[in-house]
Amino acid sequence: MKIISGILILISVYIGISHGSRVFSKPTETYLQMMSQLGITNTTRIFIGVWSIGAAILILFPKTFFLGNAIRAIQIVLMMALAIKAGNLKFALIEIPFLILPLIMIYLEHPFKSETV
């Protein structure tokens, strides 16, 4: 289980950092249109990107593992809610596997978590 947990951490950190760092590159017109439909301004988009990178970094460490995954799950639920509000059910449904990932990781716990309390 520790190997699976470690692999999921790597996947989650990669997704968080890659999606978060996307806000620092020049966005495509399609991406800006999608963000506009969700009601996300440029400033909010940058905040969400930094939030995503921060949560990904927290996941790496056993002491902040739960907090990082909880923040990721909250962020995904927020994006899903904005998508549903905008009438974009497809976008909300696509986010479901990304929501399940931090929840599974919380269940499996950090692979380097100390067994002693």
PDB file of N, CA and C in Angstrom:
ATOM      1  N   MET A   1       0.816  -1.197   0.000  1.00  0.00           N
ATOM      2  CA  MET A   1       0.000   0.000   0.000  1.00  0.00           C
ATOM      3  C   MET A   1       0.860   1.261   0.000  1.00  0.00           C
ATOM      4  N   LYS A   2       2.027   1.188   0.610  1.00  0.00           N
ATOM      5  CA  LYS A   2       2.913   2.356   0.645  1.00  0.00           C
ATOM      6  C   LYS A   2       3.392   2.724  -0.759  1.00  0.00           C
ATOM      7  N   ILE A   3       3.591   1.719  -1.605  1.00  0.00           N
ATOM      8  CA  ILE A   3       4.024   1.986  -2.977  1.00  0.00           C
ATOM      9  C   ILE A   3       2.900   2.695  -3.742  1.00  0.00           C
ATOM     10  N   ILE A   4       1.680   2.205  -3.588  1.00  0.00           N
ATOM     11  CA  ILE A   4       0.530   2.827  -4.250  1.00  0.00           C
ATOM     12  C   ILE A   4       0.361   4.258  -3.759  1.00  0.00           C
ATOM     13  N   SER A   5       0.473   4.455  -2.457  1.00  0.00           N
ATOM     14  CA  SER A   5       0.353   5.788  -1.887  1.00  0.00           C
ATOM     15  C   SER A   5       1.439   6.716  -2.433  1.00  0.00           C
ATOM     16  N   GLY A   6       2.654   6.218  -2.536  1.00  0.00           N
ATOM     17  CA  GLY A   6       3.751   7.014  -3.077  1.00  0.00           C
ATOM     18  C   GLY A   6       3.525   7.398  -4.524  1.00  0.00           C
ATOM     19  N   ILE A   7       3.026   6.467  -5.308  1.00  0.00           N
ATOM     20  CA  ILE A   7       2.729   6.751  -6.719  1.00  0.00           C
ATOM     21  C   ILE A   7       1.617   7.796  -6.828  1.00  0.00           C
ATOM     22  N   LEU A   8       0.589   7.663  -6.002  1.00  0.00           N
ATOM     23  CA  LEU A   8      -0.510   8.631  -6.025  1.00  0.00           C
ATOM     24  C   LEU A   8      -0.040  10.022  -5.599  1.00  0.00           C
ATOM     25  N   ILE A   9       0.905  10.071  -4.649  1.00  0.00           N
ATOM     26  CA  ILE A   9       1.468  11.363  -4.250  1.00  0.00           C
ATOM     27  C   ILE A   9       2.170  12.004  -5.439  1.00  0.00           C
ATOM     28  N   LEU A  10       2.992  11.237  -6.133  1.00  0.00           N
ATOM     29  CA  LEU A  10       3.710  11.781  -7.288  1.00  0.00           C
ATOM     30  C   LEU A  10       2.744  12.280  -8.354  1.00  0.00           C
ATOM     31  N   ILE A  11       1.691  11.516  -8.616  1.00  0.00           N
ATOM     32  CA  ILE A  11       0.700  11.920  -9.616  1.00  0.00           C
ATOM     33  C   ILE A  11      -0.005  13.205  -9.180  1.00  0.00           C
ATOM     34  N   SER A  12      -0.425  13.251  -7.920  1.00  0.00           N
ATOM     35  CA  SER A  12      -1.150  14.407  -7.415  1.00  0.00           C
ATOM     36  C   SER A  12      -0.283  15.662  -7.400  1.00  0.00           C
ATOM     37  N   VAL A  13       0.968  15.516  -6.994  1.00  0.00           N
ATOM     38  CA  VAL A  13       1.874  16.660  -6.973  1.00  0.00           C
ATOM     39  C   VAL A  13       2.132  17.143  -8.397  1.00  0.00           C
ATOM     40  N   TYR A  14       2.320  16.219  -9.314  1.00  0.00           N
ATOM     41  CA  TYR A  14       2.529  16.601 -10.718  1.00  0.00           C
ATOM     42  C   TYR A  14       1.325  17.370 -11.258  1.00  0.00           C
ATOM     43  N   ILE A  15       0.123  16.858 -11.011  1.00  0.00           N
ATOM     44  CA  ILE A  15      -1.094  17.515 -11.489  1.00  0.00           C
ATOM     45  C   ILE A  15      -1.234  18.896 -10.858  1.00  0.00           C
ATOM     46  N   GLY A  16      -1.030  18.979  -9.552  1.00  0.00           N
ATOM     47  CA  GLY A  16      -1.175  20.253  -8.854  1.00  0.00           C
ATOM     48  C   GLY A  16      -0.198  21.308  -9.343  1.00  0.00           C
ATOM     49  N   ILE A  17       1.061  20.912  -9.505  1.00  0.00           N
ATOM     50  CA  ILE A  17       2.064  21.878  -9.948  1.00  0.00           C
ATOM     51  C   ILE A  17       1.877  22.234 -11.419  1.00  0.00           C
ATOM     52  N   SER A  18       1.559  21.246 -12.255  1.00  0.00           N
ATOM     53  CA  SER A  18       1.387  21.554 -13.682  1.00  0.00           C
ATOM     54  C   SER A  18       0.165  22.439 -13.916  1.00  0.00           C
ATOM     55  N   HIS A  19      -0.951  22.159 -13.233  1.00  0.00           N
ATOM     56  CA  HIS A  19      -2.130  23.002 -13.391  1.00  0.00           C
ATOM     57  C   HIS A  19      -1.909  24.373 -12.771  1.00  0.00           C
ATOM     58  N   GLY A  20      -1.233  24.401 -11.639  1.00  0.00           N
ATOM     59  CA  GLY A  20      -0.967  25.674 -10.986  1.00  0.00           C
ATOM     60  C   GLY A  20      -0.012  26.552 -11.771  1.00  0.00           C
ATOM     61  N   SER A  21       1.012  25.952 -12.338  1.00  0.00           N
ATOM     62  CA  SER A  21       2.006  26.743 -13.071  1.00  0.00           C
ATOM     63  C   SER A  21       1.468  27.235 -14.413  1.00  0.00           C
ATOM     64  N   ARG A  22       0.384  26.653 -14.872  1.00  0.00           N
ATOM     65  CA  ARG A  22      -0.232  27.078 -16.129  1.00  0.00           C
ATOM     66  C   ARG A  22      -0.681  28.541 -16.067  1.00  0.00           C
ATOM     67  N   VAL A  23      -0.981  29.037 -14.862  1.00  0.00           N
ATOM     68  CA  VAL A  23      -1.441  30.425 -14.744  1.00  0.00           C
ATOM     69  C   VAL A  23      -0.317  31.421 -15.013  1.00  0.00           C
ATOM     70  N   PHE A  24       0.923  30.977 -14.976  1.00  0.00           N
ATOM     71  CA  PHE A  24       2.044  31.878 -15.192  1.00  0.00           C
ATOM     72  C   PHE A  24       2.495  31.919 -16.654  1.00  0.00           C
ATOM     73  N   SER A  25       1.857  31.126 -17.497  1.00  0.00           N
ATOM     74  CA  SER A  25       2.146  31.173 -18.928  1.00  0.00           C
ATOM     75  C   SER A  25       0.999  31.902 -19.630  1.00  0.00           C
ATOM     76  N   LYS A  26       1.247  32.288 -20.866  1.00  0.00           N
ATOM     77  CA  LYS A  26       0.217  33.006 -21.620  1.00  0.00           C
ATOM     78  C   LYS A  26      -0.949  32.060 -21.906  1.00  0.00           C
ATOM     79  N   PRO A  27      -2.144  32.397 -21.390  1.00  0.00           N
ATOM     80  CA  PRO A  27      -3.291  31.493 -21.580  1.00  0.00           C
ATOM     81  C   PRO A  27      -3.831  31.550 -23.009  1.00  0.00           C
ATOM     82  N   THR A  28      -4.371  30.419 -23.455  1.00  0.00           N
ATOM     83  CA  THR A  28      -4.992  30.363 -24.773  1.00  0.00           C
ATOM     84  C   THR A  28      -6.358  31.042 -24.705  1.00  0.00           C
ATOM     85  N   GLU A  29      -6.880  31.389 -25.848  1.00  0.00           N
ATOM     86  CA  GLU A  29      -8.193  32.035 -25.914  1.00  0.00           C
ATOM     87  C   GLU A  29      -9.285  31.103 -25.389  1.00  0.00           C
ATOM     88  N   THR A  30      -9.177  29.808 -25.693  1.00  0.00           N
ATOM     89  CA  THR A  30     -10.165  28.831 -25.224  1.00  0.00           C
ATOM     90  C   THR A  30     -10.154  28.745 -23.705  1.00  0.00           C
ATOM     91  N   TYR A  31      -8.943  28.727 -23.118  1.00  0.00           N
ATOM     92  CA  TYR A  31      -8.793  28.650 -21.661  1.00  0.00           C
ATOM     93  C   TYR A  31      -9.397  29.894 -21.007  1.00  0.00           C
ATOM     94  N   LEU A  32      -9.115  31.069 -21.557  1.00  0.00           N
ATOM     95  CA  LEU A  32      -9.665  32.306 -21.004  1.00  0.00           C
ATOM     96  C   LEU A  32     -11.184  32.339 -21.119  1.00  0.00           C
ATOM     97  N   GLN A  33     -11.706  31.819 -22.219  1.00  0.00           N
ATOM     98  CA  GLN A  33     -13.151  31.776 -22.411  1.00  0.00           C
ATOM     99  C   GLN A  33     -13.800  30.858 -21.372  1.00  0.00           C
ATOM    100  N   MET A  34     -13.169  29.699 -21.120  1.00  0.00           N
ATOM    101  CA  MET A  34     -13.702  28.766 -20.131  1.00  0.00           C
ATOM    102  C   MET A  34     -13.685  29.406 -18.739  1.00  0.00           C
ATOM    103  N   MET A  35     -12.591  30.070 -18.379  1.00  0.00           N
ATOM    104  CA  MET A  35     -12.503  30.727 -17.075  1.00  0.00           C
ATOM    105  C   MET A  35     -13.540  31.830 -16.950  1.00  0.00           C
ATOM    106  N   SER A  36     -13.755  32.557 -18.027  1.00  0.00           N
ATOM    107  CA  SER A  36     -14.753  33.623 -18.030  1.00  0.00           C
ATOM    108  C   SER A  36     -16.153  33.057 -17.817  1.00  0.00           C
ATOM    109  N   GLN A  37     -16.451  31.930 -18.459  1.00  0.00           N
ATOM    110  CA  GLN A  37     -17.757  31.290 -18.286  1.00  0.00           C
ATOM    111  C   GLN A  37     -17.976  30.855 -16.845  1.00  0.00           C
ATOM    112  N   LEU A  38     -16.885  30.465 -16.172  1.00  0.00           N
ATOM    113  CA  LEU A  38     -16.994  30.050 -14.773  1.00  0.00           C
ATOM    114  C   LEU A  38     -17.045  31.239 -13.824  1.00  0.00           C
ATOM    115  N   GLY A  39     -16.838  32.441 -14.355  1.00  0.00           N
ATOM    116  CA  GLY A  39     -16.855  33.636 -13.525  1.00  0.00           C
ATOM    117  C   GLY A  39     -15.528  33.890 -12.825  1.00  0.00           C
ATOM    118  N   ILE A  40     -14.452  33.339 -13.368  1.00  0.00           N
ATOM    119  CA  ILE A  40     -13.128  33.464 -12.758  1.00  0.00           C
ATOM    120  C   ILE A  40     -12.363  34.569 -13.478  1.00  0.00           C
ATOM    121  N   THR A  41     -11.991  35.596 -12.723  1.00  0.00           N
ATOM    122  CA  THR A  41     -11.224  36.709 -13.287  1.00  0.00           C
ATOM    123  C   THR A  41      -9.750  36.317 -13.374  1.00  0.00           C
ATOM    124  N   ASN A  42      -8.963  37.155 -13.997  1.00  0.00           N
ATOM    125  CA  ASN A  42      -7.532  36.884 -14.131  1.00  0.00           C
ATOM    126  C   ASN A  42      -6.854  36.814 -12.765  1.00  0.00           C
ATOM    127  N   THR A  43      -7.219  37.707 -11.859  1.00  0.00           N
ATOM    128  CA  THR A  43      -6.640  37.699 -10.508  1.00  0.00           C
ATOM    129  C   THR A  43      -7.025  36.423  -9.769  1.00  0.00           C
ATOM    130  N   THR A  44      -8.270  36.029  -9.871  1.00  0.00           N
ATOM    131  CA  THR A  44      -8.732  34.798  -9.226  1.00  0.00           C
ATOM    132  C   THR A  44      -8.032  33.586  -9.830  1.00  0.00           C
ATOM    133  N   ARG A  45      -7.824  33.615 -11.124  1.00  0.00           N
ATOM    134  CA  ARG A  45      -7.130  32.518 -11.813  1.00  0.00           C
ATOM    135  C   ARG A  45      -5.718  32.356 -11.263  1.00  0.00           C
ATOM    136  N   ILE A  46      -5.026  33.459 -11.057  1.00  0.00           N
ATOM    137  CA  ILE A  46      -3.668  33.393 -10.498  1.00  0.00           C
ATOM    138  C   ILE A  46      -3.713  32.885  -9.066  1.00  0.00           C
ATOM    139  N   PHE A  47      -4.690  33.340  -8.277  1.00  0.00           N
ATOM    140  CA  PHE A  47      -4.837  32.866  -6.904  1.00  0.00           C
ATOM    141  C   PHE A  47      -5.064  31.352  -6.867  1.00  0.00           C
ATOM    142  N   ILE A  48      -5.926  30.855  -7.746  1.00  0.00           N
ATOM    143  CA  ILE A  48      -6.207  29.419  -7.799  1.00  0.00           C
ATOM    144  C   ILE A  48      -4.947  28.645  -8.190  1.00  0.00           C
ATOM    145  N   GLY A  49      -4.161  29.191  -9.099  1.00  0.00           N
ATOM    146  CA  GLY A  49      -2.915  28.543  -9.499  1.00  0.00           C
ATOM    147  C   GLY A  49      -1.925  28.435  -8.349  1.00  0.00           C
ATOM    148  N   VAL A  50      -1.765  29.530  -7.612  1.00  0.00           N
ATOM    149  CA  VAL A  50      -0.865  29.521  -6.454  1.00  0.00           C
ATOM    150  C   VAL A  50      -1.406  28.571  -5.386  1.00  0.00           C
ATOM    151  N   TRP A  51      -2.721  28.559  -5.197  1.00  0.00           N
ATOM    152  CA  TRP A  51      -3.384  27.666  -4.253  1.00  0.00           C
ATOM    153  C   TRP A  51      -3.086  26.211  -4.627  1.00  0.00           C
ATOM    154  N   SER A  52      -3.163  25.901  -5.893  1.00  0.00           N
ATOM    155  CA  SER A  52      -2.917  24.544  -6.380  1.00  0.00           C
ATOM    156  C   SER A  52      -1.468  24.114  -6.130  1.00  0.00           C
ATOM    157  N   ILE A  53      -0.526  25.002  -6.418  1.00  0.00           N
ATOM    158  CA  ILE A  53       0.890  24.687  -6.189  1.00  0.00           C
ATOM    159  C   ILE A  53       1.155  24.521  -4.693  1.00  0.00           C
ATOM    160  N   GLY A  54       0.598  25.404  -3.887  1.00  0.00           N
ATOM    161  CA  GLY A  54       0.779  25.313  -2.434  1.00  0.00           C
ATOM    162  C   GLY A  54       0.241  24.011  -1.864  1.00  0.00           C
ATOM    163  N   ALA A  55      -0.939  23.616  -2.302  1.00  0.00           N
ATOM    164  CA  ALA A  55      -1.531  22.357  -1.825  1.00  0.00           C
ATOM    165  C   ALA A  55      -0.683  21.168  -2.258  1.00  0.00           C
ATOM    166  N   ALA A  56      -0.159  21.214  -3.476  1.00  0.00           N
ATOM    167  CA  ALA A  56       0.684  20.120  -3.973  1.00  0.00           C
ATOM    168  C   ALA A  56       1.946  19.981  -3.124  1.00  0.00           C
ATOM    169  N   ILE A  57       2.527  21.101  -2.746  1.00  0.00           N
ATOM    170  CA  ILE A  57       3.731  21.058  -1.914  1.00  0.00           C
ATOM    171  C   ILE A  57       3.414  20.502  -0.528  1.00  0.00           C
ATOM    172  N   LEU A  58       2.270  20.877   0.027  1.00  0.00           N
ATOM    173  CA  LEU A  58       1.879  20.370   1.348  1.00  0.00           C
ATOM    174  C   LEU A  58       1.710  18.847   1.350  1.00  0.00           C
ATOM    175  N   ILE A  59       1.277  18.298   0.234  1.00  0.00           N
ATOM    176  CA  ILE A  59       1.057  16.851   0.128  1.00  0.00           C
ATOM    177  C   ILE A  59       2.361  16.076   0.289  1.00  0.00           C
ATOM    178  N   LEU A  60       3.465  16.681  -0.052  1.00  0.00           N
ATOM    179  CA  LEU A  60       4.753  15.981  -0.002  1.00  0.00           C
ATOM    180  C   LEU A  60       5.190  15.598   1.416  1.00  0.00           C
ATOM    181  N   PHE A  61       4.788  16.359   2.402  1.00  0.00           N
ATOM    182  CA  PHE A  61       5.286  16.168   3.763  1.00  0.00           C
ATOM    183  C   PHE A  61       4.258  15.471   4.651  1.00  0.00           C
ATOM    184  N   PRO A  62       4.676  14.473   5.430  1.00  0.00           N
ATOM    185  CA  PRO A  62       3.725  13.725   6.258  1.00  0.00           C
ATOM    186  C   PRO A  62       2.901  14.598   7.214  1.00  0.00           C
ATOM    187  N   LYS A  63       3.504  15.629   7.795  1.00  0.00           N
ATOM    188  CA  LYS A  63       2.783  16.457   8.775  1.00  0.00           C
ATOM    189  C   LYS A  63       1.712  17.335   8.134  1.00  0.00           C
ATOM    190  N   THR A  64       1.866  17.675   6.865  1.00  0.00           N
ATOM    191  CA  THR A  64       0.892  18.536   6.183  1.00  0.00           C
ATOM    192  C   THR A  64       0.137  17.787   5.078  1.00  0.00           C
ATOM    193  N   PHE A  65       0.300  16.489   5.042  1.00  0.00           N
ATOM    194  CA  PHE A  65      -0.306  15.636   4.009  1.00  0.00           C
ATOM    195  C   PHE A  65      -1.826  15.769   3.994  1.00  0.00           C
ATOM    196  N   PHE A  66      -2.454  15.632   5.161  1.00  0.00           N
ATOM    197  CA  PHE A  66      -3.911  15.716   5.237  1.00  0.00           C
ATOM    198  C   PHE A  66      -4.390  17.094   4.808  1.00  0.00           C
ATOM    199  N   LEU A  67      -3.743  18.141   5.314  1.00  0.00           N
ATOM    200  CA  LEU A  67      -4.140  19.504   4.984  1.00  0.00           C
ATOM    201  C   LEU A  67      -4.034  19.758   3.477  1.00  0.00           C
ATOM    202  N   GLY A  68      -2.937  19.333   2.861  1.00  0.00           N
ATOM    203  CA  GLY A  68      -2.760  19.516   1.426  1.00  0.00           C
ATOM    204  C   GLY A  68      -3.838  18.819   0.616  1.00  0.00           C
ATOM    205  N   ASN A  69      -4.169  17.596   1.004  1.00  0.00           N
ATOM    206  CA  ASN A  69      -5.219  16.857   0.290  1.00  0.00           C
ATOM    207  C   ASN A  69      -6.596  17.471   0.532  1.00  0.00           C
ATOM    208  N   ALA A  70      -6.840  17.942   1.744  1.00  0.00           N
ATOM    209  CA  ALA A  70      -8.125  18.587   2.035  1.00  0.00           C
ATOM    210  C   ALA A  70      -8.273  19.869   1.210  1.00  0.00           C
ATOM    211  N   ILE A  71      -7.198  20.638   1.114  1.00  0.00           N
ATOM    212  CA  ILE A  71      -7.231  21.868   0.314  1.00  0.00           C
ATOM    213  C   ILE A  71      -7.469  21.538  -1.160  1.00  0.00           C
ATOM    214  N   ARG A  72      -6.809  20.497  -1.669  1.00  0.00           N
ATOM    215  CA  ARG A  72      -7.011  20.081  -3.073  1.00  0.00           C
ATOM    216  C   ARG A  72      -8.465  19.679  -3.299  1.00  0.00           C
ATOM    217  N   ALA A  73      -9.029  18.903  -2.372  1.00  0.00           N
ATOM    218  CA  ALA A  73     -10.422  18.467  -2.524  1.00  0.00           C
ATOM    219  C   ALA A  73     -11.374  19.666  -2.502  1.00  0.00           C
ATOM    220  N   ILE A  74     -11.136  20.615  -1.609  1.00  0.00           N
ATOM    221  CA  ILE A  74     -11.980  21.813  -1.542  1.00  0.00           C
ATOM    222  C   ILE A  74     -11.876  22.606  -2.840  1.00  0.00           C
ATOM    223  N   GLN A  75     -10.680  22.726  -3.361  1.00  0.00           N
ATOM    224  CA  GLN A  75     -10.482  23.460  -4.612  1.00  0.00           C
ATOM    225  C   GLN A  75     -11.246  22.793  -5.764  1.00  0.00           C
ATOM    226  N   ILE A  76     -11.194  21.496  -5.824  1.00  0.00           N
ATOM    227  CA  ILE A  76     -11.878  20.770  -6.895  1.00  0.00           C
ATOM    228  C   ILE A  76     -13.393  20.899  -6.761  1.00  0.00           C
ATOM    229  N   VAL A  77     -13.902  20.790  -5.538  1.00  0.00           N
ATOM    230  CA  VAL A  77     -15.341  20.948  -5.320  1.00  0.00           C
ATOM    231  C   VAL A  77     -15.775  22.363  -5.708  1.00  0.00           C
ATOM    232  N   LEU A  78     -14.961  23.362  -5.378  1.00  0.00           N
ATOM    233  CA  LEU A  78     -15.266  24.738  -5.764  1.00  0.00           C
ATOM    234  C   LEU A  78     -15.336  24.882  -7.282  1.00  0.00           C
ATOM    235  N   MET A  79     -14.376  24.300  -7.985  1.00  0.00           N
ATOM    236  CA  MET A  79     -14.379  24.369  -9.451  1.00  0.00           C
ATOM    237  C   MET A  79     -15.611  23.642 -10.018  1.00  0.00           C
ATOM    238  N   MET A  80     -15.959  22.509  -9.424  1.00  0.00           N
ATOM    239  CA  MET A  80     -17.141  21.777  -9.876  1.00  0.00           C
ATOM    240  C   MET A  80     -18.404  22.609  -9.654  1.00  0.00           C
ATOM    241  N   ALA A  81     -18.495  23.274  -8.502  1.00  0.00           N
ATOM    242  CA  ALA A  81     -19.662  24.099  -8.199  1.00  0.00           C
ATOM    243  C   ALA A  81     -19.772  25.272  -9.177  1.00  0.00           C
ATOM    244  N   LEU A  82     -18.637  25.899  -9.484  1.00  0.00           N
ATOM    245  CA  LEU A  82     -18.654  26.994 -10.458  1.00  0.00           C
ATOM    246  C   LEU A  82     -19.069  26.500 -11.840  1.00  0.00           C
ATOM    247  N   ALA A  83     -18.616  25.311 -12.203  1.00  0.00           N
ATOM    248  CA  ALA A  83     -18.976  24.740 -13.504  1.00  0.00           C
ATOM    249  C   ALA A  83     -20.480  24.447 -13.567  1.00  0.00           C
ATOM    250  N   ILE A  84     -21.018  23.885 -12.501  1.00  0.00           N
ATOM    251  CA  ILE A  84     -22.456  23.588 -12.474  1.00  0.00           C
ATOM    252  C   ILE A  84     -23.254  24.882 -12.513  1.00  0.00           C
ATOM    253  N   LYS A  85     -22.801  25.883 -11.766  1.00  0.00           N
ATOM    254  CA  LYS A  85     -23.473  27.192 -11.771  1.00  0.00           C
ATOM    255  C   LYS A  85     -23.484  27.792 -13.166  1.00  0.00           C
ATOM    256  N   ALA A  86     -22.386  27.587 -13.918  1.00  0.00           N
ATOM    257  CA  ALA A  86     -22.292  28.119 -15.282  1.00  0.00           C
ATOM    258  C   ALA A  86     -23.024  27.240 -16.289  1.00  0.00           C
ATOM    259  N   GLY A  87     -23.557  26.097 -15.834  1.00  0.00           N
ATOM    260  CA  GLY A  87     -24.272  25.203 -16.731  1.00  0.00           C
ATOM    261  C   GLY A  87     -23.367  24.257 -17.504  1.00  0.00           C
ATOM    262  N   ASN A  88     -22.122  24.122 -17.074  1.00  0.00           N
ATOM    263  CA  ASN A  88     -21.161  23.257 -17.758  1.00  0.00           C
ATOM    264  C   ASN A  88     -21.026  21.946 -16.975  1.00  0.00           C
ATOM    265  N   LEU A  89     -22.018  21.080 -17.134  1.00  0.00           N
ATOM    266  CA  LEU A  89     -22.042  19.817 -16.398  1.00  0.00           C
ATOM    267  C   LEU A  89     -20.898  18.899 -16.817  1.00  0.00           C
ATOM    268  N   LYS A  90     -20.512  18.941 -18.076  1.00  0.00           N
ATOM    269  CA  LYS A  90     -19.421  18.096 -18.568  1.00  0.00           C
ATOM    270  C   LYS A  90     -18.129  18.393 -17.815  1.00  0.00           C
ATOM    271  N   PHE A  91     -17.805  19.670 -17.631  1.00  0.00           N
ATOM    272  CA  PHE A  91     -16.606  20.057 -16.899  1.00  0.00           C
ATOM    273  C   PHE A  91     -16.670  19.540 -15.462  1.00  0.00           C
ATOM    274  N   ALA A  92     -17.833  19.675 -14.828  1.00  0.00           N
ATOM    275  CA  ALA A  92     -17.992  19.212 -13.445  1.00  0.00           C
ATOM    276  C   ALA A  92     -17.797  17.700 -13.348  1.00  0.00           C
ATOM    277  N   LEU A  93     -18.331  16.960 -14.294  1.00  0.00           N
ATOM    278  CA  LEU A  93     -18.196  15.501 -14.270  1.00  0.00           C
ATOM    279  C   LEU A  93     -16.753  15.059 -14.535  1.00  0.00           C
ATOM    280  N   ILE A  94     -16.041  15.804 -15.362  1.00  0.00           N
ATOM    281  CA  ILE A  94     -14.642  15.467 -15.641  1.00  0.00           C
ATOM    282  C   ILE A  94     -13.792  15.608 -14.375  1.00  0.00           C
ATOM    283  N   GLU A  95     -14.195  16.468 -13.469  1.00  0.00           N
ATOM    284  CA  GLU A  95     -13.429  16.708 -12.244  1.00  0.00           C
ATOM    285  C   GLU A  95     -13.605  15.603 -11.189  1.00  0.00           C
ATOM    286  N   ILE A  96     -14.577  14.724 -11.342  1.00  0.00           N
ATOM    287  CA  ILE A  96     -14.840  13.702 -10.330  1.00  0.00           C
ATOM    288  C   ILE A  96     -13.617  12.827 -10.038  1.00  0.00           C
ATOM    289  N   PRO A  97     -12.905  12.290 -11.032  1.00  0.00           N
ATOM    290  CA  PRO A  97     -11.708  11.490 -10.693  1.00  0.00           C
ATOM    291  C   PRO A  97     -10.642  12.297  -9.951  1.00  0.00           C
ATOM    292  N   PHE A  98     -10.547  13.586 -10.277  1.00  0.00           N
ATOM    293  CA  PHE A  98      -9.578  14.434  -9.591  1.00  0.00           C
ATOM    294  C   PHE A  98     -10.002  14.708  -8.152  1.00  0.00           C
ATOM    295  N   LEU A  99     -11.299  14.640  -7.870  1.00  0.00           N
ATOM    296  CA  LEU A  99     -11.798  14.773  -6.504  1.00  0.00           C
ATOM    297  C   LEU A  99     -11.560  13.494  -5.715  1.00  0.00           C
ATOM    298  N   ILE A 100     -11.710  12.369  -6.370  1.00  0.00           N
ATOM    299  CA  ILE A 100     -11.521  11.079  -5.694  1.00  0.00           C
ATOM    300  C   ILE A 100     -10.068  10.877  -5.292  1.00  0.00           C
ATOM    301  N   LEU A 101      -9.126  11.374  -6.094  1.00  0.00           N
ATOM    302  CA  LEU A 101      -7.701  11.172  -5.831  1.00  0.00           C
ATOM    303  C   LEU A 101      -7.271  11.637  -4.438  1.00  0.00           C
ATOM    304  N   PRO A 102      -7.528  12.885  -4.018  1.00  0.00           N
ATOM    305  CA  PRO A 102      -7.094  13.267  -2.668  1.00  0.00           C
ATOM    306  C   PRO A 102      -7.814  12.500  -1.562  1.00  0.00           C
ATOM    307  N   LEU A 103      -9.053  12.096  -1.815  1.00  0.00           N
ATOM    308  CA  LEU A 103      -9.784  11.331  -0.807  1.00  0.00           C
ATOM    309  C   LEU A 103      -9.180   9.942  -0.619  1.00  0.00           C
ATOM    310  N   ILE A 104      -8.800   9.304  -1.708  1.00  0.00           N
ATOM    311  CA  ILE A 104      -8.122   8.005  -1.624  1.00  0.00           C
ATOM    312  C   ILE A 104      -6.779   8.164  -0.920  1.00  0.00           C
ATOM    313  N   MET A 105      -6.080   9.231  -1.237  1.00  0.00           N
ATOM    314  CA  MET A 105      -4.774   9.452  -0.624  1.00  0.00           C
ATOM    315  C   MET A 105      -4.896   9.674   0.877  1.00  0.00           C
ATOM    316  N   ILE A 106      -5.928  10.388   1.313  1.00  0.00           N
ATOM    317  CA  ILE A 106      -6.150  10.563   2.751  1.00  0.00           C
ATOM    318  C   ILE A 106      -6.390   9.208   3.395  1.00  0.00           C
ATOM    319  N   TYR A 107      -7.173   8.361   2.742  1.00  0.00           N
ATOM    320  CA  TYR A 107      -7.447   7.029   3.275  1.00  0.00           C
ATOM    321  C   TYR A 107      -6.175   6.194   3.380  1.00  0.00           C
ATOM    322  N   LEU A 108      -5.334   6.235   2.349  1.00  0.00           N
ATOM    323  CA  LEU A 108      -4.109   5.427   2.336  1.00  0.00           C
ATOM    324  C   LEU A 108      -3.014   5.983   3.244  1.00  0.00           C
ATOM    325  N   GLU A 109      -3.057   7.258   3.552  1.00  0.00           N
ATOM    326  CA  GLU A 109      -2.080   7.971   4.369  1.00  0.00           C
ATOM    327  C   GLU A 109      -0.743   8.104   3.651  1.00  0.00           C
ATOM    328  N   HIS A 110       0.091   8.962   4.195  1.00  0.00           N
ATOM    329  CA  HIS A 110       1.415   9.223   3.618  1.00  0.00           C
ATOM    330  C   HIS A 110       2.300   7.998   3.826  1.00  0.00           C
ATOM    331  N   PRO A 111       3.056   7.569   2.810  1.00  0.00           N
ATOM    332  CA  PRO A 111       3.876   6.360   2.948  1.00  0.00           C
ATOM    333  C   PRO A 111       5.007   6.499   3.968  1.00  0.00           C
ATOM    334  N   PHE A 112       5.427   7.715   4.260  1.00  0.00           N
ATOM    335  CA  PHE A 112       6.512   7.915   5.225  1.00  0.00           C
ATOM    336  C   PHE A 112       6.016   8.351   6.584  1.00  0.00           C
ATOM    337  N   LYS A 113       4.718   8.217   6.805  1.00  0.00           N
ATOM    338  CA  LYS A 113       4.140   8.599   8.089  1.00  0.00           C
ATOM    339  C   LYS A 113       4.680   7.685   9.175  1.00  0.00           C
ATOM    340  N   SER A 114       5.086   8.275  10.273  1.00  0.00           N
ATOM    341  CA  SER A 114       5.613   7.514  11.391  1.00  0.00           C
ATOM    342  C   SER A 114       4.479   6.709  12.024  1.00  0.00           C
ATOM    343  N   GLU A 115       4.758   5.462  12.323  1.00  0.00           N
ATOM    344  CA  GLU A 115       3.752   4.593  12.933  1.00  0.00           C
ATOM    345  C   GLU A 115       3.556   4.884  14.411  1.00  0.00           C
ATOM    346  N   THR A 116       4.548   5.502  15.057  1.00  0.00           N
ATOM    347  CA  THR A 116       4.427   5.827  16.467  1.00  0.00           C
ATOM    348  C   THR A 116       3.711   7.147  16.639  1.00  0.00           C
ATOM    349  N   VAL A 117       2.957   7.245  17.712  1.00  0.00           N
ATOM    350  CA  VAL A 117       2.195   8.471  17.984  1.00  0.00           C
ATOM    351  C   VAL A 117       2.845   9.237  19.087  1.00  0.00           C
TER     352      VAL A 117
END
